[in-house]
Amino acid sequence: MANRLKEPLDTYLLRVLCLLLSERSVSRTAIRMNQSQPAISAALKKLREILDDALLVREKGGMVPTERALELLPHARSALVEIDKLTQEPASFDAASSKQQFRVGAPDYMAPLFTAIAVARFHREAPQAQLSLQVMGPDYDFEDALAQGELDIVIGNWPEPPERMHLARLLDDDIVCLVSSDNPLAKKGLSKEDYLEAGHIVPMRYSLSQRGMIESRLASLREKRREVIAVQSFSLAPYLLQKTNLIFTTSEHFARFYADQLGLTILPSPIDYPQMRFYQLWHDRTHHSPAHRWLRKLFSDAGRQVQ
């Protein structure tokens, strides 16, 4: 008991505990918290001493939580929610003096210009605050992350945004085709037949539970493109176009950024794809927070500026 009084649980250790038990990996937790692996390992050691439990044990498939850890997790998450309420200013928010940390999840195909405008304005208006931008991977449980306070806002383009979350539209983006300027199609133009016969760079499915908008549209037309290279990161695809005759189908704002940077060519899509509509989502937990209202307005203004 004496050791526990000397080593109380602080907010940092609570966040480490919650992330360790959800990620089940010291390395992934370190990345999520922007910490070194030794720092997270030291925090885990301290947590084990304070809570008198192994918390994570190694099995064949990796690290798994102990029964005691699973019992503690909902209490730790609830404690963090209450702590976040204490640190939120209920009546006003002064961006210029705030040192608050904001956590935002977004896909890596978000329009680079939108991100640049939003980050520049954030730094200008809240120079002492911190903005953490997290790229969300396949089947990342963003609803749980919002509910538990791991994220404050999530940006994406879901065909059916979750009804349980608050939502605001950010921007609409047309679908275009990006090719090398040396690709014969850059001068010839792109017909539907050319499009379906050519090789394509495609992103790995963003969500294992949902088909992407481009895949869904092709399926509805009973058409199939020739997928040659699959990439996990959208931002890698434009570089792979430079020395190939492949096609990358993507949003216009994303394509325009890399066309300018790499000397690529943008072609209209011969397939009539619907626009990509990007939203920002947030949980009721932060709905009335002046600080988060300021951040949401900042993103909305950036979306209008890009549009």
C-alpha atoms as a PDB file:
ATOM      1  CA  MET A   1       0.000   0.000   0.000  1.00  0.00           C
ATOM      2  CA  ALA A   2       2.874   2.363   0.825  1.00  0.00           C
ATOM      3  CA  ASN A   3       4.290   1.955  -2.676  1.00  0.00           C
ATOM      4  CA  ARG A   4       0.960   2.870  -4.225  1.00  0.00           C
ATOM      5  CA  LEU A   5       0.778   6.088  -2.211  1.00  0.00           C
ATOM      6  CA  LYS A   6       4.289   7.019  -3.322  1.00  0.00           C
ATOM      7  CA  GLU A   7       3.547   6.229  -6.964  1.00  0.00           C
ATOM      8  CA  PRO A   8       0.023   7.505  -7.739  1.00  0.00           C
ATOM      9  CA  LEU A   9      -1.549   7.062 -11.139  1.00  0.00           C
ATOM     10  CA  ASP A  10      -1.274  10.278 -13.121  1.00  0.00           C
ATOM     11  CA  THR A  11      -2.956  11.270 -16.387  1.00  0.00           C
ATOM     12  CA  TYR A  12       0.044  10.195 -18.451  1.00  0.00           C
ATOM     13  CA  LEU A  13       0.059   6.696 -16.969  1.00  0.00           C
ATOM     14  CA  LEU A  14      -3.698   6.403 -17.461  1.00  0.00           C
ATOM     15  CA  ARG A  15      -3.330   7.270 -21.163  1.00  0.00           C
ATOM     16  CA  VAL A  16      -0.475   4.792 -21.524  1.00  0.00           C
ATOM     17  CA  LEU A  17      -2.570   2.110 -19.812  1.00  0.00           C
ATOM     18  CA  CYS A  18      -5.584   2.655 -22.085  1.00  0.00           C
ATOM     19  CA  LEU A  19      -3.522   2.683 -25.278  1.00  0.00           C
ATOM     20  CA  LEU A  20      -1.400  -0.314 -24.276  1.00  0.00           C
ATOM     21  CA  LEU A  21      -4.488  -2.394 -23.597  1.00  0.00           C
ATOM     22  CA  SER A  22      -6.161  -1.376 -26.862  1.00  0.00           C
ATOM     23  CA  GLU A  23      -3.049  -1.560 -29.081  1.00  0.00           C
ATOM     24  CA  ARG A  24      -1.503  -4.551 -27.217  1.00  0.00           C
ATOM     25  CA  SER A  25       1.895  -3.351 -28.381  1.00  0.00           C
ATOM     26  CA  VAL A  26       4.569  -1.159 -26.797  1.00  0.00           C
ATOM     27  CA  SER A  27       5.851   0.004 -30.202  1.00  0.00           C
ATOM     28  CA  ARG A  28       2.414   1.020 -31.540  1.00  0.00           C
ATOM     29  CA  THR A  29       1.585   2.773 -28.275  1.00  0.00           C
ATOM     30  CA  ALA A  30       4.863   4.684 -28.509  1.00  0.00           C
ATOM     31  CA  ILE A  31       3.986   5.835 -32.046  1.00  0.00           C
ATOM     32  CA  ARG A  32       0.445   6.862 -31.033  1.00  0.00           C
ATOM     33  CA  MET A  33       1.754   8.894 -28.078  1.00  0.00           C
ATOM     34  CA  ASN A  34       4.775  10.303 -29.911  1.00  0.00           C
ATOM     35  CA  GLN A  35       7.045   8.743 -27.276  1.00  0.00           C
ATOM     36  CA  SER A  36      10.072   6.461 -27.414  1.00  0.00           C
ATOM     37  CA  GLN A  37       9.639   2.708 -26.850  1.00  0.00           C
ATOM     38  CA  PRO A  38      11.877   2.817 -23.731  1.00  0.00           C
ATOM     39  CA  ALA A  39       9.612   5.523 -22.267  1.00  0.00           C
ATOM     40  CA  ILE A  40       6.497   3.392 -22.810  1.00  0.00           C
ATOM     41  CA  SER A  41       8.283   0.301 -21.447  1.00  0.00           C
ATOM     42  CA  ALA A  42       9.227   2.284 -18.332  1.00  0.00           C
ATOM     43  CA  ALA A  43       5.622   3.437 -17.951  1.00  0.00           C
ATOM     44  CA  LEU A  44       4.403  -0.161 -18.281  1.00  0.00           C
ATOM     45  CA  LYS A  45       6.861  -1.244 -15.600  1.00  0.00           C
ATOM     46  CA  LYS A  46       5.590   1.486 -13.280  1.00  0.00           C
ATOM     47  CA  LEU A  47       1.965   0.553 -14.001  1.00  0.00           C
ATOM     48  CA  ARG A  48       2.710  -3.075 -13.144  1.00  0.00           C
ATOM     49  CA  GLU A  49       4.222  -1.999  -9.823  1.00  0.00           C
ATOM     50  CA  ILE A  50       1.367   0.343  -8.925  1.00  0.00           C
ATOM     51  CA  LEU A  51      -1.425  -2.026  -9.954  1.00  0.00           C
ATOM     52  CA  ASP A  52       0.377  -5.180  -8.819  1.00  0.00           C
ATOM     53  CA  ASP A  53      -0.466  -7.003 -12.050  1.00  0.00           C
ATOM     54  CA  ALA A  54       1.374  -7.979 -15.251  1.00  0.00           C
ATOM     55  CA  LEU A  55      -1.334  -6.186 -17.309  1.00  0.00           C
ATOM     56  CA  LEU A  56       0.062  -7.528 -20.615  1.00  0.00           C
ATOM     57  CA  VAL A  57       1.489 -11.014 -21.083  1.00  0.00           C
ATOM     58  CA  ARG A  58       3.102 -12.565 -24.132  1.00  0.00           C
ATOM     59  CA  GLU A  59       1.271 -15.315 -26.025  1.00  0.00           C
ATOM     60  CA  LYS A  60       1.929 -16.968 -29.400  1.00  0.00           C
ATOM     61  CA  GLY A  61      -0.051 -14.319 -31.271  1.00  0.00           C
ATOM     62  CA  GLY A  62       1.512 -11.383 -29.414  1.00  0.00           C
ATOM     63  CA  MET A  63       0.723  -9.494 -26.219  1.00  0.00           C
ATOM     64  CA  VAL A  64      -2.660 -10.046 -24.544  1.00  0.00           C
ATOM     65  CA  PRO A  65      -4.239  -8.241 -21.560  1.00  0.00           C
ATOM     66  CA  THR A  66      -4.647 -10.034 -18.255  1.00  0.00           C
ATOM     67  CA  GLU A  67      -8.095 -10.508 -16.739  1.00  0.00           C
ATOM     68  CA  ARG A  68      -7.299  -7.778 -14.210  1.00  0.00           C
ATOM     69  CA  ALA A  69      -6.276  -5.399 -17.013  1.00  0.00           C
ATOM     70  CA  LEU A  70      -9.580  -5.912 -18.816  1.00  0.00           C
ATOM     71  CA  GLU A  71     -11.406  -5.132 -15.570  1.00  0.00           C
ATOM     72  CA  LEU A  72      -9.417  -1.916 -15.138  1.00  0.00           C
ATOM     73  CA  LEU A  73      -9.752  -0.631 -18.720  1.00  0.00           C
ATOM     74  CA  PRO A  74     -13.312   0.815 -18.553  1.00  0.00           C
ATOM     75  CA  HIS A  75     -12.504   2.527 -15.245  1.00  0.00           C
ATOM     76  CA  ALA A  76      -9.316   4.031 -16.687  1.00  0.00           C
ATOM     77  CA  ARG A  77     -11.198   5.306 -19.727  1.00  0.00           C
ATOM     78  CA  SER A  78     -13.936   6.814 -17.548  1.00  0.00           C
ATOM     79  CA  ALA A  79     -11.299   8.515 -15.417  1.00  0.00           C
ATOM     80  CA  LEU A  80      -9.703  10.087 -18.501  1.00  0.00           C
ATOM     81  CA  VAL A  81     -13.074  11.376 -19.687  1.00  0.00           C
ATOM     82  CA  GLU A  82     -13.625  13.044 -16.304  1.00  0.00           C
ATOM     83  CA  ILE A  83     -10.111  14.489 -16.311  1.00  0.00           C
ATOM     84  CA  ASP A  84     -10.677  15.897 -19.805  1.00  0.00           C
ATOM     85  CA  LYS A  85     -13.827  17.602 -18.509  1.00  0.00           C
ATOM     86  CA  LEU A  86     -11.771  19.255 -15.767  1.00  0.00           C
ATOM     87  CA  THR A  87      -9.281  20.660 -18.279  1.00  0.00           C
ATOM     88  CA  GLN A  88     -11.918  21.955 -20.690  1.00  0.00           C
ATOM     89  CA  GLU A  89     -12.870  25.600 -20.285  1.00  0.00           C
ATOM     90  CA  PRO A  90     -16.688  25.632 -19.968  1.00  0.00           C
ATOM     91  CA  ALA A  91     -17.304  29.301 -20.755  1.00  0.00           C
ATOM     92  CA  SER A  92     -14.598  30.585 -23.094  1.00  0.00           C
ATOM     93  CA  PHE A  93     -11.500  29.639 -25.031  1.00  0.00           C
ATOM     94  CA  ASP A  94      -8.509  31.865 -25.674  1.00  0.00           C
ATOM     95  CA  ALA A  95      -6.646  30.278 -28.576  1.00  0.00           C
ATOM     96  CA  ALA A  96      -3.734  32.702 -28.318  1.00  0.00           C
ATOM     97  CA  SER A  97      -2.782  31.551 -24.801  1.00  0.00           C
ATOM     98  CA  SER A  98      -4.046  27.954 -24.844  1.00  0.00           C
ATOM     99  CA  LYS A  99      -1.583  25.104 -24.369  1.00  0.00           C
ATOM    100  CA  GLN A 100      -4.221  22.448 -25.003  1.00  0.00           C
ATOM    101  CA  GLN A 101      -3.478  19.361 -27.080  1.00  0.00           C
ATOM    102  CA  PHE A 102      -5.940  18.485 -29.837  1.00  0.00           C
ATOM    103  CA  ARG A 103      -5.995  15.031 -31.437  1.00  0.00           C
ATOM    104  CA  VAL A 104      -7.382  14.587 -34.961  1.00  0.00           C
ATOM    105  CA  GLY A 105      -7.679  11.419 -37.045  1.00  0.00           C
ATOM    106  CA  ALA A 106      -7.765  11.578 -40.850  1.00  0.00           C
ATOM    107  CA  PRO A 107      -6.981   9.426 -43.903  1.00  0.00           C
ATOM    108  CA  ASP A 108      -3.727  10.102 -45.750  1.00  0.00           C
ATOM    109  CA  TYR A 109      -5.631  10.959 -48.936  1.00  0.00           C
ATOM    110  CA  MET A 110      -7.083  14.106 -47.386  1.00  0.00           C
ATOM    111  CA  ALA A 111      -6.519  17.119 -49.659  1.00  0.00           C
ATOM    112  CA  PRO A 112      -2.983  18.365 -48.876  1.00  0.00           C
ATOM    113  CA  LEU A 113      -4.016  21.993 -49.438  1.00  0.00           C
ATOM    114  CA  PHE A 114      -6.811  21.660 -46.863  1.00  0.00           C
ATOM    115  CA  THR A 115      -4.389  20.228 -44.306  1.00  0.00           C
ATOM    116  CA  ALA A 116      -1.798  22.924 -45.017  1.00  0.00           C
ATOM    117  CA  ILE A 117      -4.339  25.743 -44.641  1.00  0.00           C
ATOM    118  CA  ALA A 118      -5.777  24.272 -41.431  1.00  0.00           C
ATOM    119  CA  VAL A 119      -2.359  23.687 -39.834  1.00  0.00           C
ATOM    120  CA  ALA A 120      -1.097  27.164 -40.776  1.00  0.00           C
ATOM    121  CA  ARG A 121      -4.150  28.823 -39.258  1.00  0.00           C
ATOM    122  CA  PHE A 122      -3.956  26.611 -36.150  1.00  0.00           C
ATOM    123  CA  HIS A 123      -0.342  27.614 -35.555  1.00  0.00           C
ATOM    124  CA  ARG A 124      -1.104  31.277 -36.228  1.00  0.00           C
ATOM    125  CA  GLU A 125      -4.104  31.490 -33.880  1.00  0.00           C
ATOM    126  CA  ALA A 126      -2.928  29.056 -31.172  1.00  0.00           C
ATOM    127  CA  PRO A 127       0.888  29.192 -31.238  1.00  0.00           C
ATOM    128  CA  GLN A 128       1.267  27.455 -27.865  1.00  0.00           C
ATOM    129  CA  ALA A 129      -1.285  24.690 -28.481  1.00  0.00           C
ATOM    130  CA  GLN A 130      -0.454  21.275 -29.924  1.00  0.00           C
ATOM    131  CA  LEU A 131      -2.152  19.513 -32.825  1.00  0.00           C
ATOM    132  CA  SER A 132      -1.631  15.766 -33.267  1.00  0.00           C
ATOM    133  CA  LEU A 133      -2.638  14.441 -36.704  1.00  0.00           C
ATOM    134  CA  GLN A 134      -3.074  10.670 -36.760  1.00  0.00           C
ATOM    135  CA  VAL A 135      -3.427   8.646 -39.956  1.00  0.00           C
ATOM    136  CA  MET A 136      -6.187   6.075 -39.499  1.00  0.00           C
ATOM    137  CA  GLY A 137      -5.575   2.576 -40.807  1.00  0.00           C
ATOM    138  CA  PRO A 138      -7.978  -0.144 -41.997  1.00  0.00           C
ATOM    139  CA  ASP A 139     -10.757  -0.913 -39.522  1.00  0.00           C
ATOM    140  CA  TYR A 140      -9.496   1.634 -36.991  1.00  0.00           C
ATOM    141  CA  ASP A 141     -12.308   2.013 -34.452  1.00  0.00           C
ATOM    142  CA  PHE A 142     -12.606   5.788 -34.689  1.00  0.00           C
ATOM    143  CA  GLU A 143     -16.015   5.831 -32.978  1.00  0.00           C
ATOM    144  CA  ASP A 144     -14.524   4.243 -29.876  1.00  0.00           C
ATOM    145  CA  ALA A 145     -11.506   6.559 -30.073  1.00  0.00           C
ATOM    146  CA  LEU A 146     -13.827   9.585 -30.126  1.00  0.00           C
ATOM    147  CA  ALA A 147     -15.958   8.227 -27.291  1.00  0.00           C
ATOM    148  CA  GLN A 148     -12.944   7.430 -25.107  1.00  0.00           C
ATOM    149  CA  GLY A 149     -11.183  10.746 -25.707  1.00  0.00           C
ATOM    150  CA  GLU A 150      -8.293   9.308 -27.722  1.00  0.00           C
ATOM    151  CA  LEU A 151      -9.368  11.560 -30.618  1.00  0.00           C
ATOM    152  CA  ASP A 152     -11.247  14.856 -30.631  1.00  0.00           C
ATOM    153  CA  ILE A 153     -12.235  14.992 -34.309  1.00  0.00           C
ATOM    154  CA  VAL A 154     -12.175  12.482 -37.148  1.00  0.00           C
ATOM    155  CA  ILE A 155     -12.116  13.542 -40.806  1.00  0.00           C
ATOM    156  CA  GLY A 156     -13.153  11.164 -43.575  1.00  0.00           C
ATOM    157  CA  ASN A 157     -15.488  10.489 -46.504  1.00  0.00           C
ATOM    158  CA  TRP A 158     -17.772   7.673 -45.394  1.00  0.00           C
ATOM    159  CA  PRO A 159     -20.621   6.691 -47.757  1.00  0.00           C
ATOM    160  CA  GLU A 160     -22.823   6.476 -44.651  1.00  0.00           C
ATOM    161  CA  PRO A 161     -21.397   8.493 -41.725  1.00  0.00           C
ATOM    162  CA  PRO A 162     -22.266   7.016 -38.314  1.00  0.00           C
ATOM    163  CA  GLU A 163     -25.505   8.460 -36.956  1.00  0.00           C
ATOM    164  CA  ARG A 164     -24.293   8.406 -33.348  1.00  0.00           C
ATOM    165  CA  MET A 165     -21.744  11.155 -34.014  1.00  0.00           C
ATOM    166  CA  HIS A 166     -22.116  14.870 -34.686  1.00  0.00           C
ATOM    167  CA  LEU A 167     -21.262  15.727 -38.273  1.00  0.00           C
ATOM    168  CA  ALA A 168     -20.359  18.719 -40.439  1.00  0.00           C
ATOM    169  CA  ARG A 169     -19.503  18.760 -44.128  1.00  0.00           C
ATOM    170  CA  LEU A 170     -16.030  20.056 -44.994  1.00  0.00           C
ATOM    171  CA  LEU A 171     -15.638  19.885 -48.778  1.00  0.00           C
ATOM    172  CA  ASP A 172     -16.581  18.014 -51.944  1.00  0.00           C
ATOM    173  CA  ASP A 173     -13.913  16.743 -54.330  1.00  0.00           C
ATOM    174  CA  ASP A 174     -14.168  15.481 -57.922  1.00  0.00           C
ATOM    175  CA  ILE A 175     -12.538  12.203 -58.992  1.00  0.00           C
ATOM    176  CA  VAL A 176      -9.809  12.452 -61.641  1.00  0.00           C
ATOM    177  CA  CYS A 177      -7.034  10.307 -63.101  1.00  0.00           C
ATOM    178  CA  LEU A 178      -3.372  11.041 -62.463  1.00  0.00           C
ATOM    179  CA  VAL A 179      -0.715   9.825 -64.931  1.00  0.00           C
ATOM    180  CA  SER A 180       2.896  10.471 -65.851  1.00  0.00           C
ATOM    181  CA  SER A 181       3.354  13.297 -68.343  1.00  0.00           C
ATOM    182  CA  ASP A 182       5.294  10.753 -70.458  1.00  0.00           C
ATOM    183  CA  ASN A 183       2.339   8.376 -70.519  1.00  0.00           C
ATOM    184  CA  PRO A 184       0.921   8.261 -74.093  1.00  0.00           C
ATOM    185  CA  LEU A 185      -2.537   8.724 -72.586  1.00  0.00           C
ATOM    186  CA  ALA A 186      -1.493  12.145 -71.282  1.00  0.00           C
ATOM    187  CA  LYS A 187      -1.584  13.485 -74.864  1.00  0.00           C
ATOM    188  CA  LYS A 188      -4.069  11.061 -76.437  1.00  0.00           C
ATOM    189  CA  GLY A 189      -6.768  11.458 -73.822  1.00  0.00           C
ATOM    190  CA  LEU A 190      -8.444   8.757 -71.779  1.00  0.00           C
ATOM    191  CA  SER A 191     -11.387   6.748 -73.081  1.00  0.00           C
ATOM    192  CA  LYS A 192     -13.360   4.265 -71.028  1.00  0.00           C
ATOM    193  CA  GLU A 193     -11.707   1.408 -72.926  1.00  0.00           C
ATOM    194  CA  ASP A 194      -8.238   2.855 -72.277  1.00  0.00           C
ATOM    195  CA  TYR A 195      -9.077   3.225 -68.614  1.00  0.00           C
ATOM    196  CA  LEU A 196     -10.229  -0.364 -68.156  1.00  0.00           C
ATOM    197  CA  GLU A 197      -7.369  -1.868 -70.185  1.00  0.00           C
ATOM    198  CA  ALA A 198      -4.553   0.151 -68.569  1.00  0.00           C
ATOM    199  CA  GLY A 199      -2.740  -0.900 -65.425  1.00  0.00           C
ATOM    200  CA  HIS A 200      -3.773   0.846 -62.211  1.00  0.00           C
ATOM    201  CA  ILE A 201      -2.181   1.725 -58.906  1.00  0.00           C
ATOM    202  CA  VAL A 202      -4.811   1.160 -56.229  1.00  0.00           C
ATOM    203  CA  PRO A 203      -4.850   1.869 -52.503  1.00  0.00           C
ATOM    204  CA  MET A 204      -5.266  -1.004 -50.116  1.00  0.00           C
ATOM    205  CA  ARG A 205      -8.798  -1.012 -48.795  1.00  0.00           C
ATOM    206  CA  TYR A 206      -9.161   1.716 -46.179  1.00  0.00           C
ATOM    207  CA  SER A 207     -11.751  -0.250 -44.215  1.00  0.00           C
ATOM    208  CA  LEU A 208     -11.994  -4.029 -44.327  1.00  0.00           C
ATOM    209  CA  SER A 209     -15.713  -3.768 -43.570  1.00  0.00           C
ATOM    210  CA  GLN A 210     -16.585  -1.249 -46.313  1.00  0.00           C
ATOM    211  CA  ARG A 211     -15.924  -1.232 -50.046  1.00  0.00           C
ATOM    212  CA  GLY A 212     -14.376   1.993 -51.333  1.00  0.00           C
ATOM    213  CA  MET A 213     -16.374   4.461 -53.397  1.00  0.00           C
ATOM    214  CA  ILE A 214     -14.449   3.728 -56.615  1.00  0.00           C
ATOM    215  CA  GLU A 215     -14.784  -0.037 -56.158  1.00  0.00           C
ATOM    216  CA  SER A 216     -18.499   0.328 -55.433  1.00  0.00           C
ATOM    217  CA  ARG A 217     -19.108   2.433 -58.535  1.00  0.00           C
ATOM    218  CA  LEU A 218     -17.261   0.019 -60.829  1.00  0.00           C
ATOM    219  CA  ALA A 219     -19.156  -2.907 -59.324  1.00  0.00           C
ATOM    220  CA  SER A 220     -22.477  -1.140 -59.917  1.00  0.00           C
ATOM    221  CA  LEU A 221     -21.477  -0.677 -63.586  1.00  0.00           C
ATOM    222  CA  ARG A 222     -20.284  -4.296 -63.770  1.00  0.00           C
ATOM    223  CA  GLU A 223     -16.884  -3.047 -64.851  1.00  0.00           C
ATOM    224  CA  LYS A 224     -13.442  -4.051 -63.608  1.00  0.00           C
ATOM    225  CA  ARG A 225     -10.126  -2.230 -63.918  1.00  0.00           C
ATOM    226  CA  ARG A 226      -6.739  -3.964 -64.075  1.00  0.00           C
ATOM    227  CA  GLU A 227      -5.130  -3.536 -60.678  1.00  0.00           C
ATOM    228  CA  VAL A 228      -1.343  -3.856 -60.999  1.00  0.00           C
ATOM    229  CA  ILE A 229       0.129  -2.303 -57.855  1.00  0.00           C
ATOM    230  CA  ALA A 230      -1.476  -1.936 -54.417  1.00  0.00           C
ATOM    231  CA  VAL A 231      -0.118   0.663 -51.991  1.00  0.00           C
ATOM    232  CA  GLN A 232      -0.862   1.177 -48.322  1.00  0.00           C
ATOM    233  CA  SER A 233      -0.119   4.896 -48.476  1.00  0.00           C
ATOM    234  CA  PHE A 234      -1.900   7.177 -50.943  1.00  0.00           C
ATOM    235  CA  SER A 235       1.045   9.569 -50.970  1.00  0.00           C
ATOM    236  CA  LEU A 236       3.325   6.851 -52.389  1.00  0.00           C
ATOM    237  CA  ALA A 237       1.213   6.352 -55.534  1.00  0.00           C
ATOM    238  CA  PRO A 238       2.131   9.598 -57.373  1.00  0.00           C
ATOM    239  CA  TYR A 239       5.844   8.788 -57.123  1.00  0.00           C
ATOM    240  CA  LEU A 240       5.246   5.363 -58.683  1.00  0.00           C
ATOM    241  CA  LEU A 241       3.554   6.992 -61.685  1.00  0.00           C
ATOM    242  CA  GLN A 242       6.668   8.896 -62.750  1.00  0.00           C
ATOM    243  CA  LYS A 243       8.403   6.037 -64.595  1.00  0.00           C
ATOM    244  CA  THR A 244       5.348   3.970 -65.547  1.00  0.00           C
ATOM    245  CA  ASN A 245       2.288   4.084 -67.789  1.00  0.00           C
ATOM    246  CA  LEU A 246      -0.022   3.325 -64.878  1.00  0.00           C
ATOM    247  CA  ILE A 247      -3.093   5.294 -63.759  1.00  0.00           C
ATOM    248  CA  PHE A 248      -3.996   6.450 -60.264  1.00  0.00           C
ATOM    249  CA  THR A 249      -7.644   7.390 -59.688  1.00  0.00           C
ATOM    250  CA  THR A 250      -7.973   9.874 -56.858  1.00  0.00           C
ATOM    251  CA  SER A 251      -9.507  13.157 -55.692  1.00  0.00           C
ATOM    252  CA  GLU A 252      -8.784  16.323 -57.665  1.00  0.00           C
ATOM    253  CA  HIS A 253      -7.235  18.306 -54.799  1.00  0.00           C
ATOM    254  CA  PHE A 254      -4.879  15.431 -53.984  1.00  0.00           C
ATOM    255  CA  ALA A 255      -3.990  15.004 -57.681  1.00  0.00           C
ATOM    256  CA  ARG A 256      -3.432  18.727 -58.216  1.00  0.00           C
ATOM    257  CA  PHE A 257      -0.928  18.908 -55.365  1.00  0.00           C
ATOM    258  CA  TYR A 258       1.215  16.059 -56.710  1.00  0.00           C
ATOM    259  CA  ALA A 259       0.831  17.096 -60.351  1.00  0.00           C
ATOM    260  CA  ASP A 260       2.410  20.435 -59.426  1.00  0.00           C
ATOM    261  CA  GLN A 261       5.113  18.815 -57.299  1.00  0.00           C
ATOM    262  CA  LEU A 262       6.109  15.992 -59.650  1.00  0.00           C
ATOM    263  CA  GLY A 263       5.147  17.224 -63.104  1.00  0.00           C
ATOM    264  CA  LEU A 264       2.321  14.702 -63.537  1.00  0.00           C
ATOM    265  CA  THR A 265      -0.763  15.112 -65.732  1.00  0.00           C
ATOM    266  CA  ILE A 266      -4.386  15.173 -64.572  1.00  0.00           C
ATOM    267  CA  LEU A 267      -6.993  13.655 -66.901  1.00  0.00           C
ATOM    268  CA  PRO A 268     -10.785  13.663 -66.537  1.00  0.00           C
ATOM    269  CA  SER A 269     -12.120  10.296 -65.474  1.00  0.00           C
ATOM    270  CA  PRO A 270     -14.008   8.486 -68.260  1.00  0.00           C
ATOM    271  CA  ILE A 271     -16.015   6.730 -65.556  1.00  0.00           C
ATOM    272  CA  ASP A 272     -18.734   8.863 -63.987  1.00  0.00           C
ATOM    273  CA  TYR A 273     -17.691   8.629 -60.345  1.00  0.00           C
ATOM    274  CA  PRO A 274     -19.632  10.499 -57.659  1.00  0.00           C
ATOM    275  CA  GLN A 275     -17.853  13.248 -55.779  1.00  0.00           C
ATOM    276  CA  MET A 276     -15.931  12.462 -52.607  1.00  0.00           C
ATOM    277  CA  ARG A 277     -17.603  14.286 -49.717  1.00  0.00           C
ATOM    278  CA  PHE A 278     -15.440  14.867 -46.661  1.00  0.00           C
ATOM    279  CA  TYR A 279     -16.900  15.338 -43.191  1.00  0.00           C
ATOM    280  CA  GLN A 280     -15.648  16.049 -39.718  1.00  0.00           C
ATOM    281  CA  LEU A 281     -17.129  13.904 -36.956  1.00  0.00           C
ATOM    282  CA  TRP A 282     -17.074  14.425 -33.211  1.00  0.00           C
ATOM    283  CA  HIS A 283     -18.558  12.879 -30.081  1.00  0.00           C
ATOM    284  CA  ASP A 284     -21.098  14.457 -27.769  1.00  0.00           C
ATOM    285  CA  ARG A 285     -18.290  14.506 -25.189  1.00  0.00           C
ATOM    286  CA  THR A 286     -16.762  17.581 -26.877  1.00  0.00           C
ATOM    287  CA  HIS A 287     -19.876  19.013 -28.539  1.00  0.00           C
ATOM    288  CA  HIS A 288     -20.251  21.992 -26.166  1.00  0.00           C
ATOM    289  CA  SER A 289     -16.553  22.591 -25.498  1.00  0.00           C
ATOM    290  CA  PRO A 290     -15.527  26.125 -26.585  1.00  0.00           C
ATOM    291  CA  ALA A 291     -12.041  24.870 -27.466  1.00  0.00           C
ATOM    292  CA  HIS A 292     -13.378  22.163 -29.750  1.00  0.00           C
ATOM    293  CA  ARG A 293     -15.951  24.490 -31.265  1.00  0.00           C
ATOM    294  CA  TRP A 294     -13.044  26.748 -32.215  1.00  0.00           C
ATOM    295  CA  LEU A 295     -11.183  23.811 -33.793  1.00  0.00           C
ATOM    296  CA  ARG A 296     -14.239  22.621 -35.723  1.00  0.00           C
ATOM    297  CA  LYS A 297     -14.821  26.138 -37.086  1.00  0.00           C
ATOM    298  CA  LEU A 298     -11.165  26.296 -38.107  1.00  0.00           C
ATOM    299  CA  PHE A 299     -11.582  23.091 -40.142  1.00  0.00           C
ATOM    300  CA  SER A 300     -14.875  24.283 -41.650  1.00  0.00           C
ATOM    301  CA  ASP A 301     -13.276  27.572 -42.725  1.00  0.00           C
ATOM    302  CA  ALA A 302     -10.322  25.691 -44.266  1.00  0.00           C
ATOM    303  CA  GLY A 303     -12.762  23.502 -46.208  1.00  0.00           C
ATOM    304  CA  ARG A 304     -14.573  26.547 -47.601  1.00  0.00           C
ATOM    305  CA  GLN A 305     -11.267  28.155 -48.561  1.00  0.00           C
ATOM    306  CA  VAL A 306     -10.197  25.053 -50.517  1.00  0.00           C
ATOM    307  CA  GLN A 307     -13.597  24.644 -52.149  1.00  0.00           C
END
